[in-house]
Amino acid sequence: MLHTLTLNGVPLPYRDEGHGPPVLLFHAFPLHGEAFMKQVKALSDRYRFILPDVRGLGRGAPPSGPTEMALIARDALALLDALNVESVVVGGVSMGGYASMALLREDPGRVRGLVLVDTQATADDEAGRARREASAQEALREGPEAFVRTMLPRLVAAGPESDVGQEVAALIRAASPEGLAAAQRGMALRPDSKDILARYAGPALIVVGEKDAITPVDKARQMADLISGARLEIIPDAAHLPNQEQPDAFNAVLDRFLSGL
């Protein structure tokens, strides 16, 4: 069920599903919180999933400027305050991983555990920022279909015409052109987070799809090497969205981590 928190006049949609220790999960770009429904279905009898929609993606209203990762993190912290959740396992996929690291930077005392999925700790280089700006302009011209066409083939190993490919396409199509552009521009501004991960002393799970070409296994290994005691899990037959493409394998890995906290 979708709820809404109004923060400084801005409606922030979120899902709050299940019972047990709270787990805050940030979705990937250009999706929304429903991307975690396969985790909710399998694990909500043991964990409480708090799933915000990033502004402008899903039902969220786009911001007036770039959706910086710190803004996503502050929105989530305000949501936790509204729900009276003191500490939480924080995780995310891709852009959601950037948001998780931003939340760790903003308020490390709230983070009981960290789950980073198909993401990276490094900032964009100049060429990467230029590609994001070109993508932002394309979003404003063409809307979500631009990402269904160009990005979807790289998100799932099974391909755009597969069942999971069609699920992901539907999630992409819920985004607004302005929200897509703002998120791309926000990701371009994110800082390098290797320092944050190196200082983090809590439990950490790093997950990556074996066939991820966007943030490949080497990027996951780099993050795992930065965090003392981090667990690295590689999901076979999955690309950039293993929680959707191989949910049984992903859920088993996530459950094992969460149950051990």
Protein backbone atom coordinates (compact mmCIF):
# COMPACT_ATOMS: atom_id res chain seq x y z
CA MET A 1 0.00 0.00 0.00
CA LEU A 2 1.29 3.45 -0.93
CA HIS A 3 1.37 6.14 1.79
CA THR A 4 2.40 9.80 1.57
CA LEU A 5 4.47 11.94 3.92
CA THR A 6 4.21 15.68 3.25
CA LEU A 7 7.55 17.35 3.98
CA ASN A 8 7.72 21.16 3.67
CA GLY A 9 4.74 21.02 1.35
CA VAL A 10 6.26 18.27 -0.83
CA PRO A 11 4.42 14.90 -0.97
CA LEU A 12 6.83 11.97 -0.54
CA PRO A 13 5.27 8.58 -1.41
CA TYR A 14 6.48 5.49 0.43
CA ARG A 15 5.52 1.91 1.19
CA ASP A 16 5.65 0.46 4.71
CA GLU A 17 5.22 -3.33 4.53
CA GLY A 18 5.72 -6.17 6.97
CA HIS A 19 6.66 -6.76 10.60
CA GLY A 20 9.98 -7.09 12.36
CA PRO A 21 13.30 -5.23 12.33
CA PRO A 22 13.04 -2.24 9.94
CA VAL A 23 14.85 -2.27 6.59
CA LEU A 24 14.96 0.93 4.52
CA LEU A 25 15.57 0.23 0.82
CA PHE A 26 16.24 2.81 -1.93
CA HIS A 27 15.31 1.78 -5.46
CA ALA A 28 17.45 2.03 -8.60
CA PHE A 29 17.19 4.71 -11.27
CA PRO A 30 14.83 5.05 -13.13
CA LEU A 31 12.43 2.85 -11.10
CA HIS A 32 10.39 3.32 -7.91
CA GLY A 33 9.77 1.54 -4.61
CA GLU A 34 7.61 -1.19 -6.11
CA ALA A 35 10.84 -2.67 -7.46
CA PHE A 36 11.20 -4.42 -4.07
CA MET A 37 7.82 -6.18 -4.08
CA LYS A 38 9.45 -9.60 -4.56
CA GLN A 39 11.40 -9.00 -1.34
CA VAL A 40 8.26 -7.84 0.46
CA LYS A 41 6.31 -10.90 -0.67
CA ALA A 42 9.00 -13.34 0.49
CA LEU A 43 10.31 -11.70 3.66
CA SER A 44 7.71 -9.30 5.11
CA ASP A 45 6.66 -11.83 7.73
CA ARG A 46 10.12 -11.33 9.31
CA TYR A 47 11.15 -7.77 8.39
CA ARG A 48 9.49 -4.37 8.05
CA PHE A 49 10.34 -2.86 4.65
CA ILE A 50 10.27 0.94 4.34
CA LEU A 51 10.41 1.81 0.64
CA PRO A 52 10.43 5.49 -0.39
CA ASP A 53 9.92 6.69 -3.96
CA VAL A 54 12.66 9.12 -5.00
CA ARG A 55 11.25 12.52 -5.98
CA GLY A 56 10.02 12.52 -9.58
CA LEU A 57 10.24 8.73 -9.93
CA GLY A 58 7.10 6.69 -9.36
CA ARG A 59 4.43 8.89 -7.77
CA GLY A 60 6.89 11.43 -6.35
CA ALA A 61 6.78 15.09 -7.47
CA PRO A 62 10.09 16.18 -9.05
CA PRO A 63 12.26 18.72 -7.20
CA SER A 64 13.00 22.18 -8.59
CA GLY A 65 16.68 21.34 -9.09
CA PRO A 66 18.89 18.23 -9.24
CA THR A 67 17.86 15.29 -7.05
CA GLU A 68 21.09 15.18 -5.11
CA MET A 69 21.83 12.02 -3.15
CA ALA A 70 21.90 14.02 0.09
CA LEU A 71 18.33 15.21 -0.66
CA ILE A 72 17.16 11.60 -1.05
CA ALA A 73 18.91 10.74 2.22
CA ARG A 74 17.35 13.68 4.10
CA ASP A 75 13.90 12.78 2.76
CA ALA A 76 14.40 9.26 4.09
CA LEU A 77 15.62 10.47 7.49
CA ALA A 78 12.51 12.67 7.77
CA LEU A 79 10.41 9.63 6.91
CA LEU A 80 12.13 7.56 9.61
CA ASP A 81 11.47 10.37 12.11
CA ALA A 82 7.79 10.45 11.10
CA LEU A 83 7.57 6.67 11.57
CA ASN A 84 9.45 6.82 14.92
CA VAL A 85 12.16 4.50 13.61
CA GLU A 86 15.41 5.15 15.47
CA SER A 87 17.84 2.82 13.69
CA VAL A 88 17.46 0.78 10.54
CA VAL A 89 19.25 -1.44 8.07
CA VAL A 90 19.84 0.82 5.06
CA GLY A 91 20.31 -0.47 1.54
CA GLY A 92 19.77 0.27 -2.10
CA VAL A 93 20.27 -0.80 -5.68
CA SER A 94 22.41 1.28 -8.05
CA MET A 95 21.33 4.91 -7.45
CA GLY A 96 19.80 3.55 -4.24
CA GLY A 97 23.29 2.54 -3.20
CA TYR A 98 24.47 6.12 -3.73
CA ALA A 99 21.55 7.29 -1.57
CA SER A 100 22.46 4.73 1.11
CA MET A 101 26.03 6.03 1.25
CA ALA A 102 24.69 9.59 1.41
CA LEU A 103 22.50 8.64 4.39
CA LEU A 104 25.52 7.03 6.05
CA ARG A 105 27.36 10.35 5.57
CA GLU A 106 24.38 12.38 6.89
CA ASP A 107 23.59 10.34 10.02
CA PRO A 108 25.75 7.24 10.60
CA GLY A 109 24.16 6.60 13.99
CA ARG A 110 20.88 5.61 12.31
CA VAL A 111 22.51 2.83 10.25
CA ARG A 112 22.31 -0.60 11.90
CA GLY A 113 23.54 -2.42 8.79
CA LEU A 114 24.37 -1.57 5.18
CA VAL A 115 23.29 -3.36 1.99
CA LEU A 116 24.83 -2.12 -1.28
CA VAL A 117 23.54 -3.75 -4.47
CA ASP A 118 24.99 -3.25 -7.96
CA THR A 119 26.42 0.16 -7.16
CA GLN A 120 29.81 1.84 -6.75
CA ALA A 121 31.63 4.09 -4.29
CA THR A 122 33.35 6.33 -6.84
CA ALA A 123 32.05 9.61 -8.26
CA ASP A 124 31.46 10.21 -11.97
CA ASP A 125 34.42 11.48 -13.97
CA GLU A 126 34.03 14.39 -16.38
CA ALA A 127 32.95 12.11 -19.24
CA GLY A 128 30.41 10.40 -16.99
CA ARG A 129 28.92 13.73 -15.93
CA ALA A 130 28.65 14.78 -19.57
CA ARG A 131 26.82 11.53 -20.40
CA ARG A 132 24.38 12.14 -17.56
CA GLU A 133 23.64 15.67 -18.78
CA ALA A 134 23.01 14.36 -22.31
CA SER A 135 20.71 11.73 -20.80
CA ALA A 136 18.90 14.38 -18.74
CA GLN A 137 18.23 16.42 -21.86
CA GLU A 138 17.01 13.31 -23.67
CA ALA A 139 14.63 12.62 -20.77
CA LEU A 140 13.15 16.10 -21.05
CA ARG A 141 12.67 15.64 -24.81
CA GLU A 142 11.42 12.04 -24.91
CA GLY A 143 10.38 11.08 -21.38
CA PRO A 144 10.63 7.55 -19.95
CA GLU A 145 10.56 5.80 -23.34
CA ALA A 146 14.13 6.97 -23.92
CA PHE A 147 15.23 4.85 -20.95
CA VAL A 148 13.07 1.89 -21.89
CA ARG A 149 14.85 1.93 -25.24
CA THR A 150 18.46 2.62 -24.19
CA MET A 151 18.78 1.42 -20.60
CA LEU A 152 16.45 -1.55 -20.20
CA PRO A 153 18.60 -3.94 -22.33
CA ARG A 154 21.46 -3.39 -19.85
CA LEU A 155 19.37 -3.71 -16.70
CA VAL A 156 18.26 -7.34 -17.02
CA ALA A 157 20.25 -10.23 -18.45
CA ALA A 158 17.04 -11.92 -19.63
CA GLY A 159 16.36 -9.05 -22.05
CA PRO A 160 13.66 -6.40 -22.50
CA GLU A 161 11.02 -8.85 -23.78
CA SER A 162 11.28 -11.17 -20.77
CA ASP A 163 8.70 -11.06 -17.99
CA VAL A 164 11.14 -9.26 -15.71
CA GLY A 165 12.07 -6.92 -18.55
CA GLN A 166 8.44 -5.96 -18.94
CA GLU A 167 8.08 -5.47 -15.17
CA VAL A 168 11.04 -3.10 -15.18
CA ALA A 169 9.70 -1.23 -18.23
CA ALA A 170 6.43 -0.57 -16.38
CA LEU A 171 8.35 0.85 -13.41
CA ILE A 172 10.38 3.13 -15.70
CA ARG A 173 7.23 4.44 -17.41
CA ALA A 174 5.89 5.73 -14.08
CA ALA A 175 8.64 8.39 -13.93
CA SER A 176 8.17 11.99 -15.04
CA PRO A 177 10.56 13.53 -17.60
CA GLU A 178 11.53 16.19 -15.03
CA GLY A 179 12.16 13.55 -12.37
CA LEU A 180 14.38 11.53 -14.70
CA ALA A 181 16.43 14.59 -15.63
CA ALA A 182 16.73 15.72 -12.01
CA ALA A 183 17.92 12.29 -10.88
CA GLN A 184 20.57 12.10 -13.61
CA ARG A 185 21.84 15.56 -12.68
CA GLY A 186 21.81 14.64 -9.00
CA MET A 187 23.85 11.47 -9.59
CA ALA A 188 26.37 13.53 -11.56
CA LEU A 189 26.94 15.69 -8.47
CA ARG A 190 27.48 12.86 -6.00
CA PRO A 191 30.80 12.82 -4.13
CA ASP A 192 33.23 9.95 -3.92
CA SER A 193 32.16 7.75 -1.00
CA LYS A 194 35.22 5.57 -0.48
CA ASP A 195 36.07 7.55 2.66
CA ILE A 196 32.62 6.90 4.14
CA LEU A 197 32.83 3.16 3.51
CA ALA A 198 36.36 2.96 4.90
CA ARG A 199 35.17 4.58 8.15
CA TYR A 200 32.04 2.43 8.45
CA ALA A 201 32.50 -0.24 11.13
CA GLY A 202 29.09 -1.95 11.08
CA PRO A 203 27.80 -5.05 9.27
CA ALA A 204 27.73 -4.78 5.49
CA LEU A 205 26.44 -6.89 2.60
CA ILE A 206 27.64 -6.17 -0.94
CA VAL A 207 25.61 -7.83 -3.72
CA VAL A 208 26.22 -7.78 -7.48
CA GLY A 209 24.72 -9.49 -10.48
CA GLU A 210 27.24 -11.73 -12.21
CA LYS A 211 26.35 -10.22 -15.60
CA ASP A 212 26.15 -6.57 -14.54
CA ALA A 213 27.92 -4.44 -17.18
CA ILE A 214 26.94 -1.09 -15.59
CA THR A 215 28.60 -1.62 -12.19
CA PRO A 216 30.45 -4.91 -12.67
CA VAL A 217 31.79 -7.34 -10.08
CA ASP A 218 35.11 -5.45 -9.77
CA LYS A 219 33.22 -2.39 -8.46
CA ALA A 220 31.53 -4.58 -5.84
CA ARG A 221 34.87 -6.07 -4.79
CA GLN A 222 36.29 -2.57 -4.37
CA MET A 223 33.50 -1.66 -1.95
CA ALA A 224 33.81 -4.94 -0.06
CA ASP A 225 37.55 -4.34 0.35
CA LEU A 226 36.89 -0.92 1.90
CA ILE A 227 34.61 -2.23 4.69
CA SER A 228 36.12 -4.46 7.34
CA GLY A 229 34.21 -7.73 7.50
CA ALA A 230 31.89 -6.98 4.57
CA ARG A 231 30.23 -9.97 2.90
CA LEU A 232 30.31 -10.07 -0.92
CA GLU A 233 27.65 -12.09 -2.76
CA ILE A 234 27.55 -12.57 -6.56
CA ILE A 235 24.13 -13.50 -7.97
CA PRO A 236 24.34 -15.80 -11.05
CA ASP A 237 22.31 -15.09 -14.20
CA ALA A 238 21.51 -11.53 -13.15
CA ALA A 239 22.56 -8.14 -14.50
CA HIS A 240 21.99 -4.78 -12.76
CA LEU A 241 18.77 -5.64 -10.87
CA PRO A 242 19.32 -9.03 -9.17
CA ASN A 243 16.57 -8.45 -6.61
CA GLN A 244 14.05 -8.45 -9.47
CA GLU A 245 15.73 -10.80 -11.93
CA GLN A 246 16.79 -13.56 -9.51
CA PRO A 247 14.63 -12.87 -6.46
CA ASP A 248 14.96 -16.31 -4.84
CA ALA A 249 18.77 -16.13 -4.81
CA PHE A 250 18.75 -12.48 -3.76
CA ASN A 251 16.20 -13.02 -1.00
CA ALA A 252 18.18 -15.92 0.44
CA VAL A 253 21.32 -13.75 0.59
CA LEU A 254 19.44 -10.81 2.13
CA ASP A 255 17.63 -12.99 4.68
CA ARG A 256 20.89 -14.63 5.74
CA PHE A 257 22.46 -11.21 6.33
CA LEU A 258 19.48 -9.68 8.13
CA SER A 259 18.88 -12.70 10.34
CA GLY A 260 22.49 -12.56 11.50
CA LEU A 261 22.27 -9.00 12.82
